[in-house]
């Protein structure tokens, strides 16, 4: 019985190791991304939306992106919202959240009417080597991309404080100038009158 018990224990241990290995390997295989393709591979694809923009702080209904160039896809606007699988990355296809205030270029996927960004959708900071290359490739493929499309735009900047004296009306300045000129003319007339009278006897 001892050899049989030893065999059962060995098989059981092997089975447990195999199950543990598969448990670790399956999540890794769950996010199988294709290699980065040139922009020409996305031309005309209704599932790929390509744009660049400045990332804003994430909100409950998505992360706003202030669009700087719109290369391809419907739904262009001054601000678009992306649904990102933000995280440290890895098996779940998460990708780190771009810092607010930085400009990025995205090849987002359209999923159920929303723009999705994850580890498998190409994106990079415009200031990085990868982002510079992606932006140059997008411009070469689609054209300049123009400015931001019409649509929702950020609030206007707060006006600067007026400079001292900037609020004085032009009419008031003119009246002051005329008054000064009259005062000077009056002083000159008095001085000339005294000179014409001559010295006292």
N, C-alpha and C. Protein backbone atom coordinates (compact mmCIF):
# COMPACT_ATOMS: atom_id res chain seq x y z
N UNK A 1 0.82 -1.21 0.00
CA UNK A 1 0.00 0.00 0.00
C UNK A 1 0.86 1.26 0.00
N UNK A 2 2.04 1.14 0.57
CA UNK A 2 2.89 2.33 0.65
C UNK A 2 3.26 2.87 -0.72
N UNK A 3 3.67 2.00 -1.69
CA UNK A 3 3.99 2.53 -3.01
C UNK A 3 2.78 3.22 -3.66
N UNK A 4 1.60 2.65 -3.46
CA UNK A 4 0.39 3.25 -4.05
C UNK A 4 0.11 4.62 -3.41
N UNK A 5 0.28 4.70 -2.10
CA UNK A 5 0.06 5.98 -1.41
C UNK A 5 1.05 7.03 -1.89
N UNK A 6 2.31 6.60 -2.07
CA UNK A 6 3.34 7.52 -2.56
C UNK A 6 3.01 8.00 -3.97
N UNK A 7 2.49 7.13 -4.81
CA UNK A 7 2.13 7.50 -6.18
C UNK A 7 0.99 8.50 -6.20
N UNK A 8 -0.01 8.24 -5.34
CA UNK A 8 -1.16 9.16 -5.28
C UNK A 8 -0.71 10.54 -4.81
N UNK A 9 0.18 10.57 -3.82
CA UNK A 9 0.68 11.85 -3.31
C UNK A 9 1.46 12.61 -4.38
N UNK A 10 2.26 11.87 -5.16
CA UNK A 10 3.06 12.50 -6.22
C UNK A 10 2.16 13.08 -7.30
N UNK A 11 1.16 12.31 -7.72
CA UNK A 11 0.22 12.78 -8.76
C UNK A 11 -0.56 13.99 -8.27
N UNK A 12 -0.98 13.92 -6.99
CA UNK A 12 -1.74 15.05 -6.43
C UNK A 12 -0.88 16.31 -6.40
N UNK A 13 0.37 16.18 -6.00
CA UNK A 13 1.26 17.34 -5.95
C UNK A 13 1.48 17.92 -7.34
N UNK A 14 1.67 17.03 -8.33
CA UNK A 14 1.85 17.49 -9.70
C UNK A 14 0.61 18.22 -10.20
N UNK A 15 -0.56 17.71 -9.86
CA UNK A 15 -1.81 18.32 -10.29
C UNK A 15 -1.97 19.71 -9.68
N UNK A 16 -1.62 19.83 -8.39
CA UNK A 16 -1.73 21.13 -7.72
C UNK A 16 -0.78 22.15 -8.33
N UNK A 17 0.44 21.71 -8.64
CA UNK A 17 1.40 22.61 -9.27
C UNK A 17 0.90 23.05 -10.64
N UNK A 18 0.32 22.13 -11.40
CA UNK A 18 -0.20 22.45 -12.73
C UNK A 18 -1.34 23.45 -12.65
N UNK A 19 -2.24 23.24 -11.69
CA UNK A 19 -3.36 24.18 -11.51
C UNK A 19 -2.85 25.56 -11.14
N UNK A 20 -1.86 25.63 -10.23
CA UNK A 20 -1.31 26.93 -9.83
C UNK A 20 -0.65 27.63 -11.01
N UNK A 21 0.06 26.87 -11.84
CA UNK A 21 0.72 27.45 -13.01
C UNK A 21 -0.31 28.01 -13.98
N UNK A 22 -1.38 27.25 -14.22
CA UNK A 22 -2.41 27.72 -15.14
C UNK A 22 -3.13 28.94 -14.57
N UNK A 23 -3.31 28.98 -13.27
CA UNK A 23 -3.97 30.13 -12.64
C UNK A 23 -3.16 31.40 -12.83
N UNK A 24 -1.82 31.25 -12.84
CA UNK A 24 -0.98 32.42 -13.07
C UNK A 24 -0.86 32.75 -14.54
N UNK A 25 -0.90 31.77 -15.39
CA UNK A 25 -0.68 31.99 -16.81
C UNK A 25 -1.91 32.52 -17.52
N UNK A 26 -3.10 32.12 -17.08
CA UNK A 26 -4.31 32.54 -17.78
C UNK A 26 -4.53 34.05 -17.75
N UNK A 27 -4.36 34.75 -16.60
CA UNK A 27 -4.53 36.21 -16.63
C UNK A 27 -3.54 36.90 -17.55
N UNK A 28 -2.31 36.37 -17.64
CA UNK A 28 -1.33 36.98 -18.53
C UNK A 28 -1.80 36.89 -19.97
N UNK A 29 -2.38 35.75 -20.33
CA UNK A 29 -2.85 35.57 -21.69
C UNK A 29 -4.14 36.32 -21.96
N UNK A 30 -4.82 36.79 -20.89
CA UNK A 30 -6.09 37.47 -21.06
C UNK A 30 -5.92 38.81 -21.76
N UNK A 31 -4.75 39.44 -21.65
CA UNK A 31 -4.51 40.72 -22.32
C UNK A 31 -3.43 40.50 -23.37
N UNK A 32 -3.86 40.12 -24.53
CA UNK A 32 -2.94 39.82 -25.63
C UNK A 32 -3.02 40.96 -26.63
N UNK A 33 -2.10 41.92 -26.55
CA UNK A 33 -2.14 43.11 -27.41
C UNK A 33 -1.35 42.87 -28.69
N UNK A 34 -1.86 43.42 -29.76
CA UNK A 34 -1.13 43.38 -31.03
C UNK A 34 0.01 44.39 -30.98
N UNK A 35 1.01 44.16 -31.77
CA UNK A 35 2.14 45.09 -31.84
C UNK A 35 1.68 46.42 -32.43
N UNK A 36 2.37 47.49 -32.07
CA UNK A 36 2.05 48.81 -32.58
C UNK A 36 2.16 48.84 -34.10
N UNK A 37 1.11 49.32 -34.75
CA UNK A 37 1.09 49.38 -36.20
C UNK A 37 1.24 50.83 -36.66
N UNK A 38 1.66 51.04 -37.90
CA UNK A 38 1.72 52.41 -38.42
C UNK A 38 0.32 52.98 -38.57
N UNK A 39 0.22 54.31 -38.61
CA UNK A 39 -1.08 54.96 -38.71
C UNK A 39 -1.84 54.55 -39.97
N UNK A 40 -1.12 54.20 -41.01
CA UNK A 40 -1.78 53.80 -42.25
C UNK A 40 -2.65 52.56 -42.06
N UNK A 41 -2.35 51.75 -41.03
CA UNK A 41 -3.15 50.54 -40.78
C UNK A 41 -4.52 50.88 -40.22
N UNK A 42 -4.69 52.11 -39.70
CA UNK A 42 -5.97 52.49 -39.09
C UNK A 42 -6.84 53.33 -40.01
N UNK A 43 -6.35 53.68 -41.19
CA UNK A 43 -7.09 54.56 -42.09
C UNK A 43 -8.44 53.93 -42.45
N UNK A 44 -9.51 54.69 -42.24
CA UNK A 44 -10.85 54.23 -42.61
C UNK A 44 -11.48 53.29 -41.62
N UNK A 45 -10.80 52.93 -40.55
CA UNK A 45 -11.38 52.00 -39.57
C UNK A 45 -12.40 52.73 -38.70
N UNK A 46 -13.67 52.28 -38.70
CA UNK A 46 -14.66 52.95 -37.86
C UNK A 46 -14.45 52.68 -36.38
N UNK A 47 -13.61 51.73 -36.05
CA UNK A 47 -13.38 51.37 -34.65
C UNK A 47 -12.20 52.11 -34.05
N UNK A 48 -11.48 52.89 -34.86
CA UNK A 48 -10.32 53.60 -34.35
C UNK A 48 -10.52 55.10 -34.48
N UNK A 49 -10.39 55.80 -33.37
CA UNK A 49 -10.50 57.25 -33.32
C UNK A 49 -9.14 57.79 -32.91
N UNK A 50 -8.60 58.68 -33.73
CA UNK A 50 -7.22 59.15 -33.52
C UNK A 50 -7.23 60.65 -33.29
N UNK A 51 -6.66 61.08 -32.20
CA UNK A 51 -6.63 62.51 -31.86
C UNK A 51 -5.53 62.75 -30.85
N UNK A 52 -5.19 64.01 -30.67
CA UNK A 52 -4.26 64.41 -29.61
C UNK A 52 -4.96 65.44 -28.74
N UNK A 53 -4.54 65.56 -27.50
CA UNK A 53 -5.17 66.52 -26.62
C UNK A 53 -4.53 66.54 -25.25
N UNK A 54 -4.90 67.54 -24.48
CA UNK A 54 -4.38 67.71 -23.13
C UNK A 54 -5.32 67.05 -22.13
N UNK A 55 -4.79 66.14 -21.37
CA UNK A 55 -5.59 65.36 -20.41
C UNK A 55 -5.97 66.24 -19.23
N UNK A 56 -7.23 66.11 -18.79
CA UNK A 56 -7.72 66.83 -17.62
C UNK A 56 -7.87 65.85 -16.45
N UNK A 57 -8.31 66.36 -15.31
CA UNK A 57 -8.52 65.50 -14.15
C UNK A 57 -9.68 64.54 -14.43
N UNK A 58 -9.54 63.27 -14.06
CA UNK A 58 -10.62 62.31 -14.32
C UNK A 58 -11.89 62.66 -13.57
N UNK A 59 -13.02 62.34 -14.16
CA UNK A 59 -14.33 62.59 -13.58
C UNK A 59 -15.10 61.27 -13.57
N UNK A 60 -16.21 61.21 -12.83
CA UNK A 60 -16.97 59.96 -12.76
C UNK A 60 -17.44 59.44 -14.12
N UNK A 61 -17.75 60.35 -15.05
CA UNK A 61 -18.25 59.92 -16.35
C UNK A 61 -17.17 59.86 -17.42
N UNK A 62 -15.91 59.83 -17.01
CA UNK A 62 -14.83 59.70 -17.97
C UNK A 62 -13.75 60.74 -17.74
N UNK A 63 -12.63 60.56 -18.41
CA UNK A 63 -11.53 61.51 -18.30
C UNK A 63 -11.60 62.51 -19.45
N UNK A 64 -11.82 63.80 -19.17
CA UNK A 64 -11.90 64.79 -20.26
C UNK A 64 -10.53 65.00 -20.90
N UNK A 65 -10.55 65.18 -22.22
CA UNK A 65 -9.33 65.50 -22.96
C UNK A 65 -9.62 66.72 -23.82
N UNK A 66 -8.87 67.79 -23.63
CA UNK A 66 -9.01 69.01 -24.40
C UNK A 66 -8.29 68.80 -25.73
N UNK A 67 -9.06 68.65 -26.80
CA UNK A 67 -8.52 68.22 -28.09
C UNK A 67 -7.67 69.32 -28.73
N UNK A 68 -6.49 68.92 -29.22
CA UNK A 68 -5.63 69.84 -29.96
C UNK A 68 -5.61 69.52 -31.46
N UNK A 69 -5.72 68.23 -31.81
CA UNK A 69 -5.79 67.81 -33.22
C UNK A 69 -6.74 66.61 -33.31
N UNK A 70 -7.55 66.61 -34.37
CA UNK A 70 -8.48 65.49 -34.60
C UNK A 70 -8.15 64.91 -35.97
N UNK A 71 -7.67 63.68 -35.96
CA UNK A 71 -7.21 63.06 -37.20
C UNK A 71 -8.25 62.16 -37.87
N UNK A 72 -8.94 61.35 -37.08
CA UNK A 72 -9.89 60.41 -37.69
C UNK A 72 -10.96 60.01 -36.68
N UNK A 73 -12.17 59.81 -37.20
CA UNK A 73 -13.25 59.28 -36.38
C UNK A 73 -14.35 60.28 -36.15
N UNK A 74 -15.55 59.77 -35.95
CA UNK A 74 -16.69 60.62 -35.65
C UNK A 74 -16.65 61.04 -34.18
N UNK A 75 -17.42 62.09 -33.90
CA UNK A 75 -17.51 62.55 -32.52
C UNK A 75 -16.50 63.59 -32.13
N UNK A 76 -15.86 64.22 -33.13
CA UNK A 76 -14.89 65.26 -32.82
C UNK A 76 -15.52 66.43 -32.08
N UNK A 77 -14.89 66.92 -31.06
CA UNK A 77 -15.37 68.06 -30.29
C UNK A 77 -14.19 68.72 -29.60
N UNK A 78 -14.44 69.90 -29.06
CA UNK A 78 -13.38 70.60 -28.35
C UNK A 78 -12.89 69.81 -27.14
N UNK A 79 -13.82 69.12 -26.48
CA UNK A 79 -13.48 68.26 -25.36
C UNK A 79 -14.17 66.91 -25.57
N UNK A 80 -13.42 65.83 -25.46
CA UNK A 80 -14.00 64.49 -25.51
C UNK A 80 -13.66 63.78 -24.21
N UNK A 81 -14.43 62.76 -23.91
CA UNK A 81 -14.20 61.99 -22.69
C UNK A 81 -13.82 60.56 -23.06
N UNK A 82 -12.78 60.08 -22.44
CA UNK A 82 -12.33 58.72 -22.69
C UNK A 82 -12.60 57.87 -21.46
N UNK A 83 -12.98 56.63 -21.71
CA UNK A 83 -13.19 55.67 -20.64
C UNK A 83 -11.93 54.82 -20.57
N UNK A 84 -11.11 55.08 -19.60
CA UNK A 84 -9.82 54.41 -19.52
C UNK A 84 -9.80 53.29 -18.50
N UNK A 85 -9.10 52.24 -18.83
CA UNK A 85 -8.82 51.18 -17.86
C UNK A 85 -7.53 51.56 -17.16
N UNK A 86 -7.64 52.54 -16.24
CA UNK A 86 -6.45 53.09 -15.61
C UNK A 86 -5.98 52.18 -14.48
N UNK A 87 -4.70 51.99 -14.41
CA UNK A 87 -4.12 51.17 -13.36
C UNK A 87 -2.64 50.96 -13.63
N UNK A 88 -2.01 50.11 -12.84
CA UNK A 88 -0.56 49.91 -12.99
C UNK A 88 -0.18 49.11 -14.22
N UNK A 89 -1.16 48.57 -14.93
CA UNK A 89 -0.85 47.78 -16.13
C UNK A 89 -0.73 46.32 -15.79
N UNK A 90 -0.59 45.51 -16.83
CA UNK A 90 -0.42 44.08 -16.61
C UNK A 90 -1.49 43.25 -17.27
N UNK A 91 -1.86 42.17 -16.61
CA UNK A 91 -2.72 41.17 -17.22
C UNK A 91 -4.12 41.69 -17.52
N UNK A 92 -4.60 42.69 -16.78
CA UNK A 92 -5.96 43.19 -16.97
C UNK A 92 -6.04 44.27 -18.04
N UNK A 93 -4.97 44.49 -18.77
CA UNK A 93 -4.91 45.51 -19.84
C UNK A 93 -5.02 46.93 -19.30
N UNK A 94 -4.75 47.12 -18.01
CA UNK A 94 -4.76 48.48 -17.47
C UNK A 94 -3.54 49.24 -17.96
N UNK A 95 -3.66 50.56 -17.94
CA UNK A 95 -2.56 51.42 -18.34
C UNK A 95 -2.51 52.59 -17.37
N UNK A 96 -1.34 53.11 -17.03
CA UNK A 96 -1.27 54.24 -16.08
C UNK A 96 -2.04 55.46 -16.59
N UNK A 97 -2.70 56.14 -15.68
CA UNK A 97 -3.46 57.34 -16.02
C UNK A 97 -2.50 58.45 -16.40
N UNK A 98 -2.64 59.06 -17.59
CA UNK A 98 -1.77 60.18 -17.96
C UNK A 98 -1.95 61.35 -16.99
N UNK A 99 -0.88 62.01 -16.60
CA UNK A 99 -1.00 63.13 -15.67
C UNK A 99 -1.81 64.28 -16.28
N UNK A 100 -2.66 64.88 -15.46
CA UNK A 100 -3.45 66.01 -15.91
C UNK A 100 -2.53 67.15 -16.33
N UNK A 101 -2.90 67.81 -17.43
CA UNK A 101 -2.12 68.94 -17.93
C UNK A 101 -1.08 68.55 -18.96
N UNK A 102 -0.95 67.26 -19.27
CA UNK A 102 0.02 66.82 -20.27
C UNK A 102 -0.71 66.47 -21.57
N UNK A 103 -0.03 66.69 -22.69
CA UNK A 103 -0.63 66.43 -24.00
C UNK A 103 -0.24 65.03 -24.47
N UNK A 104 -1.23 64.29 -24.96
CA UNK A 104 -1.04 62.92 -25.42
C UNK A 104 -1.67 62.73 -26.79
N UNK A 105 -1.21 61.73 -27.51
CA UNK A 105 -1.85 61.31 -28.75
C UNK A 105 -2.44 59.92 -28.50
N UNK A 106 -3.68 59.73 -28.94
CA UNK A 106 -4.41 58.50 -28.67
C UNK A 106 -4.88 57.85 -29.96
N UNK A 107 -4.77 56.54 -30.03
CA UNK A 107 -5.49 55.74 -31.01
C UNK A 107 -6.52 54.97 -30.18
N UNK A 108 -7.66 55.62 -29.92
CA UNK A 108 -8.66 55.05 -29.04
C UNK A 108 -9.57 54.10 -29.82
N UNK A 109 -10.17 53.18 -29.11
CA UNK A 109 -11.15 52.29 -29.75
C UNK A 109 -12.55 52.76 -29.40
N UNK A 110 -13.47 52.56 -30.34
CA UNK A 110 -14.85 52.93 -30.09
C UNK A 110 -15.59 51.69 -29.60
N UNK A 111 -16.11 51.75 -28.37
CA UNK A 111 -16.79 50.61 -27.78
C UNK A 111 -18.12 51.08 -27.21
N UNK A 112 -19.21 50.58 -27.82
CA UNK A 112 -20.57 50.95 -27.40
C UNK A 112 -20.74 52.46 -27.36
N UNK A 113 -20.22 53.12 -28.39
CA UNK A 113 -20.38 54.56 -28.52
C UNK A 113 -19.44 55.39 -27.69
N UNK A 114 -18.56 54.76 -26.92
CA UNK A 114 -17.63 55.51 -26.09
C UNK A 114 -16.20 55.27 -26.56
N UNK A 115 -15.33 56.22 -26.23
CA UNK A 115 -13.92 56.10 -26.58
C UNK A 115 -13.19 55.40 -25.45
N UNK A 116 -12.61 54.25 -25.76
CA UNK A 116 -11.93 53.45 -24.74
C UNK A 116 -10.43 53.51 -24.93
N UNK A 117 -9.72 53.60 -23.82
CA UNK A 117 -8.25 53.62 -23.82
C UNK A 117 -7.78 52.57 -22.82
N UNK A 118 -6.88 51.71 -23.26
CA UNK A 118 -6.30 50.73 -22.36
C UNK A 118 -4.90 50.38 -22.84
N UNK A 119 -4.33 49.33 -22.27
CA UNK A 119 -2.97 48.95 -22.60
C UNK A 119 -2.81 48.59 -24.08
N UNK A 120 -3.90 48.13 -24.70
CA UNK A 120 -3.83 47.66 -26.09
C UNK A 120 -4.20 48.74 -27.11
N UNK A 121 -4.52 49.94 -26.67
CA UNK A 121 -4.79 51.03 -27.60
C UNK A 121 -3.57 51.95 -27.59
N UNK A 122 -2.88 52.12 -28.70
CA UNK A 122 -1.65 52.92 -28.70
C UNK A 122 -1.89 54.35 -28.21
N UNK A 123 -1.05 54.82 -27.32
CA UNK A 123 -1.11 56.20 -26.84
C UNK A 123 0.23 56.52 -26.21
N UNK A 124 0.60 57.80 -26.27
CA UNK A 124 1.89 58.21 -25.72
C UNK A 124 1.88 59.72 -25.51
N UNK A 125 2.70 60.16 -24.58
CA UNK A 125 2.85 61.60 -24.34
C UNK A 125 3.52 62.24 -25.54
N UNK A 126 2.97 63.36 -25.99
CA UNK A 126 3.50 64.03 -27.18
C UNK A 126 4.96 64.43 -26.98
N UNK A 127 5.34 64.75 -25.75
CA UNK A 127 6.71 65.16 -25.49
C UNK A 127 7.72 64.02 -25.44
N UNK A 128 7.24 62.77 -25.46
CA UNK A 128 8.15 61.63 -25.42
C UNK A 128 8.58 61.24 -26.83
N UNK A 129 9.60 60.39 -26.92
CA UNK A 129 10.05 59.93 -28.24
C UNK A 129 8.95 59.17 -28.97
N UNK A 130 8.24 58.29 -28.23
CA UNK A 130 7.16 57.52 -28.85
C UNK A 130 6.02 58.43 -29.31
N UNK A 131 5.67 59.41 -28.47
CA UNK A 131 4.59 60.32 -28.84
C UNK A 131 4.96 61.20 -30.01
N UNK A 132 6.19 61.67 -30.06
CA UNK A 132 6.65 62.49 -31.18
C UNK A 132 6.57 61.70 -32.48
N UNK A 133 6.98 60.43 -32.43
CA UNK A 133 6.93 59.58 -33.62
C UNK A 133 5.49 59.31 -34.05
N UNK A 134 4.61 59.04 -33.08
CA UNK A 134 3.20 58.80 -33.41
C UNK A 134 2.55 60.04 -34.02
N UNK A 135 2.84 61.21 -33.44
CA UNK A 135 2.25 62.45 -33.95
C UNK A 135 2.73 62.74 -35.37
N UNK A 136 4.03 62.55 -35.61
CA UNK A 136 4.57 62.78 -36.95
C UNK A 136 3.95 61.81 -37.96
N UNK A 137 3.76 60.56 -37.55
CA UNK A 137 3.16 59.56 -38.43
C UNK A 137 1.70 59.90 -38.71
N UNK A 138 0.97 60.38 -37.69
CA UNK A 138 -0.43 60.76 -37.88
C UNK A 138 -0.56 61.94 -38.84
N UNK A 139 0.31 62.95 -38.69
CA UNK A 139 0.26 64.11 -39.58
C UNK A 139 0.60 63.71 -41.01
N UNK A 140 1.59 62.83 -41.15
CA UNK A 140 1.97 62.37 -42.49
C UNK A 140 0.85 61.55 -43.14
N UNK A 141 0.08 60.85 -42.32
CA UNK A 141 -0.97 59.97 -42.85
C UNK A 141 -2.29 60.70 -43.07
N UNK A 142 -2.71 61.51 -42.10
CA UNK A 142 -4.03 62.13 -42.14
C UNK A 142 -4.02 63.62 -42.45
N UNK A 143 -2.85 64.24 -42.47
CA UNK A 143 -2.79 65.68 -42.61
C UNK A 143 -2.58 66.32 -41.24
N UNK A 144 -2.56 67.64 -41.22
CA UNK A 144 -2.23 68.37 -40.01
C UNK A 144 -3.17 68.08 -38.85
N UNK A 145 -4.42 67.75 -39.17
CA UNK A 145 -5.38 67.51 -38.10
C UNK A 145 -6.07 68.78 -37.65
N UNK A 146 -5.55 69.92 -38.09
CA UNK A 146 -6.19 71.20 -37.78
C UNK A 146 -6.20 71.47 -36.30
N UNK A 147 -6.97 72.50 -35.94
CA UNK A 147 -7.13 72.82 -34.53
C UNK A 147 -8.19 71.95 -33.91
N UNK A 148 -8.61 72.32 -32.73
CA UNK A 148 -9.65 71.56 -32.06
C UNK A 148 -10.96 71.68 -32.82
N UNK A 149 -11.72 70.60 -32.95
CA UNK A 149 -13.01 70.67 -33.63
C UNK A 149 -13.97 71.57 -32.87
N UNK A 150 -15.01 72.08 -33.53
CA UNK A 150 -15.99 72.90 -32.81
C UNK A 150 -16.72 72.06 -31.79
N UNK A 151 -17.17 72.69 -30.75
CA UNK A 151 -17.88 71.96 -29.71
C UNK A 151 -17.60 72.56 -28.36
N UNK A 152 -17.77 71.78 -27.34
CA UNK A 152 -17.56 72.25 -25.99
C UNK A 152 -16.13 72.73 -25.82
N UNK A 153 -15.96 73.86 -25.22
CA UNK A 153 -14.63 74.42 -25.04
C UNK A 153 -14.46 74.84 -23.59
N UNK A 154 -13.22 75.02 -23.14
CA UNK A 154 -12.99 75.39 -21.74
C UNK A 154 -13.46 76.81 -21.47
N UNK A 155 -13.72 77.16 -20.20
CA UNK A 155 -14.15 78.52 -19.89
C UNK A 155 -13.08 79.52 -20.24
N UNK A 156 -13.48 80.75 -20.60
CA UNK A 156 -12.47 81.76 -20.95
C UNK A 156 -11.60 82.11 -19.76
N UNK A 157 -10.41 82.57 -20.06
CA UNK A 157 -9.47 82.93 -19.01
C UNK A 157 -9.98 84.14 -18.24
N UNK A 158 -9.61 84.23 -16.97
CA UNK A 158 -10.01 85.37 -16.14
C UNK A 158 -9.32 86.61 -16.66
N UNK A 159 -10.06 87.71 -16.93
CA UNK A 159 -9.41 88.92 -17.45
C UNK A 159 -8.42 89.48 -16.46
N UNK A 160 -7.36 90.06 -16.98
CA UNK A 160 -6.32 90.65 -16.14
C UNK A 160 -6.83 91.91 -15.48
N UNK A 161 -6.23 92.25 -14.34
CA UNK A 161 -6.59 93.49 -13.64
C UNK A 161 -6.20 94.69 -14.48
N UNK A 162 -7.09 95.69 -14.63
CA UNK A 162 -6.73 96.88 -15.42
C UNK A 162 -5.59 97.63 -14.78
N UNK A 163 -4.74 98.23 -15.61
CA UNK A 163 -3.62 99.02 -15.11
C UNK A 163 -4.13 100.31 -14.50
N UNK A 164 -3.29 100.89 -13.64
CA UNK A 164 -3.67 102.14 -12.97
C UNK A 164 -3.93 103.22 -14.02
N UNK A 165 -5.10 103.84 -13.92
CA UNK A 165 -5.44 104.91 -14.86
C UNK A 165 -6.11 104.42 -16.11
N UNK A 166 -6.18 103.09 -16.29
CA UNK A 166 -6.76 102.57 -17.53
C UNK A 166 -8.25 102.79 -17.57
N UNK A 167 -8.90 102.95 -16.37
CA UNK A 167 -10.34 103.10 -16.36
C UNK A 167 -10.81 104.54 -16.50
N UNK A 168 -9.90 105.53 -16.58
CA UNK A 168 -10.30 106.94 -16.72
C UNK A 168 -10.84 107.18 -18.11
N UNK A 169 -11.99 107.83 -18.18
CA UNK A 169 -12.63 108.06 -19.47
C UNK A 169 -11.83 109.05 -20.29
N UNK A 170 -11.79 108.89 -21.63
CA UNK A 170 -11.07 109.84 -22.49
C UNK A 170 -11.61 111.25 -22.35
N UNK A 171 -12.91 111.41 -22.14
CA UNK A 171 -13.49 112.76 -22.03
C UNK A 171 -12.93 113.48 -20.81
N UNK A 172 -12.78 112.74 -19.70
CA UNK A 172 -12.23 113.36 -18.50
C UNK A 172 -10.79 113.80 -18.72
N UNK A 173 -10.02 113.00 -19.45
CA UNK A 173 -8.65 113.38 -19.75
C UNK A 173 -8.61 114.64 -20.61
N UNK A 174 -9.53 114.75 -21.56
CA UNK A 174 -9.56 115.93 -22.42
C UNK A 174 -9.90 117.18 -21.63
N UNK A 175 -10.87 117.08 -20.70
CA UNK A 175 -11.25 118.24 -19.87
C UNK A 175 -10.07 118.67 -19.01
N UNK A 176 -9.37 117.69 -18.45
CA UNK A 176 -8.22 118.04 -17.62
C UNK A 176 -7.15 118.73 -18.43
N UNK A 177 -6.93 118.28 -19.67
CA UNK A 177 -5.92 118.91 -20.51
C UNK A 177 -6.29 120.34 -20.84
N UNK A 178 -7.58 120.57 -21.18
CA UNK A 178 -8.03 121.94 -21.51
C UNK A 178 -7.90 122.84 -20.30
N UNK A 179 -8.27 122.32 -19.12
CA UNK A 179 -8.18 123.13 -17.91
C UNK A 179 -6.73 123.53 -17.61
N UNK A 180 -5.81 122.59 -17.79
CA UNK A 180 -4.40 122.89 -17.56
C UNK A 180 -3.90 123.96 -18.52
N UNK A 181 -4.29 123.83 -19.80
CA UNK A 181 -3.87 124.83 -20.78
C UNK A 181 -4.42 126.20 -20.44
N UNK A 182 -5.68 126.27 -19.98
CA UNK A 182 -6.26 127.56 -19.60
C UNK A 182 -5.55 128.18 -18.42
N UNK A 183 -5.17 127.37 -17.45
CA UNK A 183 -4.47 127.87 -16.28
C UNK A 183 -3.12 128.46 -16.68
N UNK A 184 -2.39 127.77 -17.55
CA UNK A 184 -1.09 128.26 -18.00
C UNK A 184 -1.25 129.58 -18.75
N UNK A 185 -2.28 129.68 -19.62
CA UNK A 185 -2.51 130.91 -20.39
C UNK A 185 -2.83 132.07 -19.46
N UNK A 186 -3.63 131.83 -18.41
CA UNK A 186 -3.97 132.89 -17.47
C UNK A 186 -2.74 133.41 -16.76
N UNK A 187 -1.87 132.52 -16.33
CA UNK A 187 -0.64 132.93 -15.63
C UNK A 187 0.22 133.78 -16.55
N UNK A 188 0.35 133.40 -17.84
CA UNK A 188 1.15 134.17 -18.78
C UNK A 188 0.59 135.56 -18.98
N UNK A 189 -0.74 135.70 -19.06
CA UNK A 189 -1.37 137.02 -19.24
C UNK A 189 -1.08 137.93 -18.05
N UNK A 190 -1.15 137.39 -16.83
CA UNK A 190 -0.89 138.20 -15.64
C UNK A 190 0.55 138.68 -15.63
N UNK A 191 1.48 137.78 -15.98
CA UNK A 191 2.89 138.15 -15.98
C UNK A 191 3.15 139.24 -17.02
N UNK A 192 2.59 139.11 -18.22
CA UNK A 192 2.80 140.12 -19.27
C UNK A 192 2.19 141.45 -18.86
N UNK A 193 1.03 141.43 -18.21
CA UNK A 193 0.39 142.68 -17.77
C UNK A 193 1.27 143.43 -16.78
N UNK A 194 1.89 142.74 -15.87
CA UNK A 194 2.73 143.38 -14.88
C UNK A 194 3.98 143.97 -15.53
N UNK A 195 4.51 143.28 -16.56
CA UNK A 195 5.70 143.79 -17.23
C UNK A 195 5.38 145.07 -18.01
N UNK A 196 4.17 145.13 -18.59
CA UNK A 196 3.80 146.31 -19.41
C UNK A 196 3.58 147.53 -18.54
N UNK A 197 3.23 147.37 -17.25
CA UNK A 197 3.01 148.51 -16.39
C UNK A 197 4.33 149.20 -16.02
N UNK A 198 5.40 148.45 -16.14
CA UNK A 198 6.72 149.04 -15.79
C UNK A 198 6.94 149.10 -14.32
N UNK A 199 8.15 149.58 -13.91
CA UNK A 199 8.45 149.67 -12.48
C UNK A 199 7.69 150.78 -11.82
N UNK A 200 7.39 150.66 -10.57
CA UNK A 200 6.62 151.67 -9.85
C UNK A 200 7.48 152.92 -9.69
N UNK A 201 6.85 154.21 -9.67
CA UNK A 201 7.57 155.48 -9.56
C UNK A 201 8.13 155.66 -8.19
